[in-house]
Protein backbone atom coordinates (compact mmCIF):
# COMPACT_ATOMS: atom_id res chain seq x y z
CA MET A 1 0.02 0.01 0.05
CA ARG A 2 0.96 3.21 -0.97
CA ARG A 3 1.67 6.03 1.84
CA MET A 4 0.94 9.52 2.12
CA GLN A 5 3.48 11.98 2.64
CA SER A 6 3.23 15.25 4.14
CA SER A 7 4.31 17.08 0.61
CA GLY A 8 1.31 15.95 -1.25
CA SER A 9 3.16 13.24 -3.27
CA THR A 10 1.13 10.11 -3.43
CA SER A 11 4.06 7.25 -4.42
CA SER A 12 6.67 6.40 -2.48
CA SER A 13 8.64 5.53 -5.46
CA HIS A 14 9.45 8.90 -5.99
CA PRO A 15 9.92 10.26 -2.91
CA ILE A 16 10.74 14.33 -3.08
CA SER A 17 13.73 15.55 -1.34
CA SER A 18 13.57 18.50 0.76
CA SER A 19 16.03 20.36 -1.29
CA GLN A 20 13.59 19.91 -4.43
CA SER A 21 10.51 20.89 -2.28
CA LYS A 22 12.11 23.89 -0.84
CA SER A 23 13.02 25.04 -4.51
CA GLN A 24 9.37 24.19 -5.48
CA ALA A 25 8.11 26.81 -2.93
CA GLU A 26 10.33 29.11 -3.75
CA GLU A 27 9.32 28.98 -7.14
CA THR A 28 5.54 29.81 -6.32
CA ALA A 29 6.84 32.24 -3.56
CA LYS A 30 8.62 34.21 -6.57
CA SER A 31 5.59 33.81 -8.92
CA VAL A 32 3.50 35.07 -6.21
CA LYS A 33 5.27 38.16 -5.95
CA ASP A 34 5.82 38.98 -9.46
CA ALA A 35 2.40 38.79 -9.47
CA ALA A 36 1.84 41.44 -6.83
CA LYS A 37 4.42 43.39 -8.21
CA ALA A 38 2.64 43.89 -11.17
CA ILE A 39 -0.93 44.34 -9.74
CA ARG A 40 1.02 47.10 -7.84
CA ASP A 41 2.17 48.58 -11.09
CA ALA A 42 -0.72 48.37 -12.73
CA ALA A 43 -2.83 50.41 -10.01
CA VAL A 44 -0.15 53.17 -9.75
CA SER A 45 -0.71 53.58 -13.47
CA THR A 46 -4.27 53.55 -13.72
CA ARG A 47 -4.04 55.86 -10.92
CA GLU A 48 -1.90 57.90 -12.70
CA ALA A 49 -3.84 57.65 -15.87
CA VAL A 50 -7.05 58.78 -13.80
CA LYS A 51 -5.41 61.60 -12.16
CA ALA A 52 -3.97 62.73 -15.97
CA PHE A 53 -7.51 62.52 -17.07
CA SER A 54 -9.00 64.37 -14.24
CA ASP A 55 -6.15 67.43 -14.52
CA SER A 56 -6.60 67.73 -18.40
CA GLY A 57 -10.38 68.12 -18.18
CA VAL A 58 -11.35 65.54 -20.67
CA VAL A 59 -13.73 63.95 -18.18
CA THR A 60 -15.53 67.03 -17.70
CA GLU A 61 -15.69 67.84 -21.50
CA LEU A 62 -16.79 64.46 -22.48
CA ALA A 63 -19.58 64.64 -20.49
CA GLU A 64 -20.72 68.30 -21.60
CA SER A 65 -20.26 66.91 -25.22
CA ILE A 66 -22.84 64.01 -24.47
CA GLN A 67 -25.07 66.40 -22.39
CA ALA A 68 -25.16 68.80 -25.29
CA ALA A 69 -25.74 65.89 -28.07
CA THR A 70 -28.41 64.22 -25.68
CA LYS A 71 -30.37 67.82 -25.72
CA ALA A 72 -29.98 67.97 -29.60
CA ALA A 73 -31.55 64.70 -29.91
CA ARG A 74 -34.28 65.70 -27.44
CA ASP A 75 -35.12 68.65 -29.53
CA THR A 76 -34.53 66.88 -32.87
CA ALA A 77 -37.45 64.48 -31.49
CA GLN A 78 -39.70 67.06 -29.90
CA ASP A 79 -39.83 69.01 -33.45
CA MET A 80 -40.86 65.84 -35.28
CA ARG A 81 -43.74 65.11 -32.99
CA ASP A 82 -44.77 68.62 -33.45
CA THR A 83 -44.41 68.78 -37.40
CA SER A 84 -46.28 65.10 -37.20
CA LYS A 85 -48.96 66.64 -35.14
CA GLU A 86 -49.38 69.77 -37.29
CA LEU A 87 -49.50 67.58 -40.70
CA HIS A 88 -52.12 64.91 -38.76
CA GLU A 89 -54.31 68.12 -37.55
CA SER A 90 -54.03 70.10 -41.22
CA ARG A 91 -55.01 66.76 -43.17
CA THR A 92 -52.37 67.47 -45.42
CA THR A 93 -51.25 63.73 -45.26
CA PRO A 94 -53.64 61.90 -46.73
CA LYS A 95 -53.14 64.79 -49.90
CA VAL A 96 -49.78 63.96 -49.86
CA VAL A 97 -50.06 60.04 -49.57
CA SER A 98 -52.26 60.47 -52.62
CA ALA A 99 -50.06 62.62 -54.95
CA ILE A 100 -47.35 59.80 -53.74
CA HIS A 101 -49.34 57.31 -55.38
CA GLN A 102 -50.41 59.24 -58.51
CA THR A 103 -47.03 59.70 -58.78
CA LEU A 104 -45.83 56.32 -58.38
CA SER A 105 -48.31 55.15 -60.90
CA ILE A 106 -47.25 57.75 -63.24
CA VAL A 107 -43.88 56.35 -63.19
CA GLU A 108 -44.58 52.64 -63.62
CA GLU A 109 -46.73 53.60 -66.47
CA THR A 110 -43.86 55.74 -68.13
CA GLY A 111 -41.79 52.68 -67.30
CA ALA A 112 -43.91 50.11 -68.80
CA LYS A 113 -43.69 52.54 -71.87
CA ALA A 114 -40.30 52.72 -72.14
CA ASN A 115 -39.47 49.12 -71.66
CA GLU A 116 -42.00 48.36 -74.83
CA THR A 117 -40.04 50.89 -76.91
CA ALA A 118 -36.95 48.88 -75.55
CA THR A 119 -38.11 45.31 -76.83
CA LEU A 120 -39.59 47.14 -80.18
CA LEU A 121 -35.93 48.71 -80.57
CA SER A 122 -34.43 45.40 -80.00
CA LYS A 123 -36.02 43.77 -82.34
CA PRO A 124 -34.83 43.82 -86.09
CA ALA A 125 -35.82 45.57 -88.84
CA PRO A 126 -38.63 43.82 -91.14
CA GLN A 127 -36.59 42.21 -94.09
CA THR A 128 -37.89 43.84 -97.34
CA THR A 129 -39.52 41.92 -99.78
CA GLY A 130 -38.58 41.99 -103.78
CA THR A 131 -41.87 43.58 -104.72
CA PRO A 132 -40.82 47.21 -103.69
CA LEU A 133 -37.44 47.37 -105.42
CA LYS A 134 -38.74 45.37 -108.84
CA ALA A 135 -41.35 48.50 -109.09
CA THR A 136 -38.33 51.14 -108.31
CA LYS A 137 -36.31 49.32 -111.38
CA ARG A 138 -39.38 49.47 -113.67
CA ARG A 139 -39.91 53.02 -113.23
CA ARG A 140 -36.13 53.95 -114.07
CA LYS A 141 -35.86 51.54 -116.76
CA SER A 142 -39.44 53.52 -118.25
CA ARG A 143 -37.73 56.93 -117.43
CA ASP A 144 -34.49 55.38 -119.09
CA ASP A 145 -35.99 54.68 -121.93
CA THR A 146 -37.85 57.92 -122.51
CA VAL A 147 -34.36 59.77 -122.66
CA THR A 148 -32.41 57.62 -124.88
CA LYS A 149 -35.18 57.61 -127.39
CA LYS A 150 -35.21 60.82 -129.77
CA PRO A 151 -37.85 63.01 -128.15
CA ARG A 152 -41.06 63.13 -129.85
CA LYS A 153 -42.33 66.03 -131.81
CA ARG A 154 -45.14 68.04 -130.39
CA LEU A 155 -48.31 67.60 -131.84
CA THR A 156 -48.84 71.00 -133.06
CA THR A 157 -52.16 73.07 -132.79
CA ASP A 158 -54.19 75.04 -135.22
CA LYS A 159 -52.71 78.31 -134.04
CA THR A 160 -49.20 77.19 -133.93
CA LYS A 161 -49.71 75.40 -137.81
CA LEU A 162 -50.91 79.10 -138.78
CA LYS A 163 -48.00 80.83 -138.06
CA LEU A 164 -45.75 78.71 -139.29
CA ILE A 165 -47.70 79.13 -142.55
CA SER A 166 -47.54 82.44 -142.66
CA ARG A 167 -44.10 82.79 -142.16
CA ASN A 168 -43.26 81.05 -145.33
């Protein structure tokens, strides 16, 4: 059976010498001492920072800034409340809402027309058939024929015949 030692070791096969336990105790004491020193240093630096804030007036200025911002927010909220009450009492809200709805419906109609126009413009133009082209060629051909032929003699009227005869 194993015996419990006063140092807290549960095994008799690994006995801890008194010099080792003394060394561990000293290391633990040193660690605690270092931690206490770190706490003391942190407390001193915190005290110095608080004193610097207090002396510089930063805390007071920050508090005044927060107070001013709070007052501005309160005043804005009161103005908004008063304006909404006035709008409600003057019955202009339904008129505004109606105007907004009318504007939205007009915008929707305009958008629909714009979409229709865009789809029409995006479709390719219809292909021309040969019929109008043939008719155009016929017209040109008939005009060309009259130009290349000898001009026709005008038929003279009776008056012009008489003038011609009288000259001779």
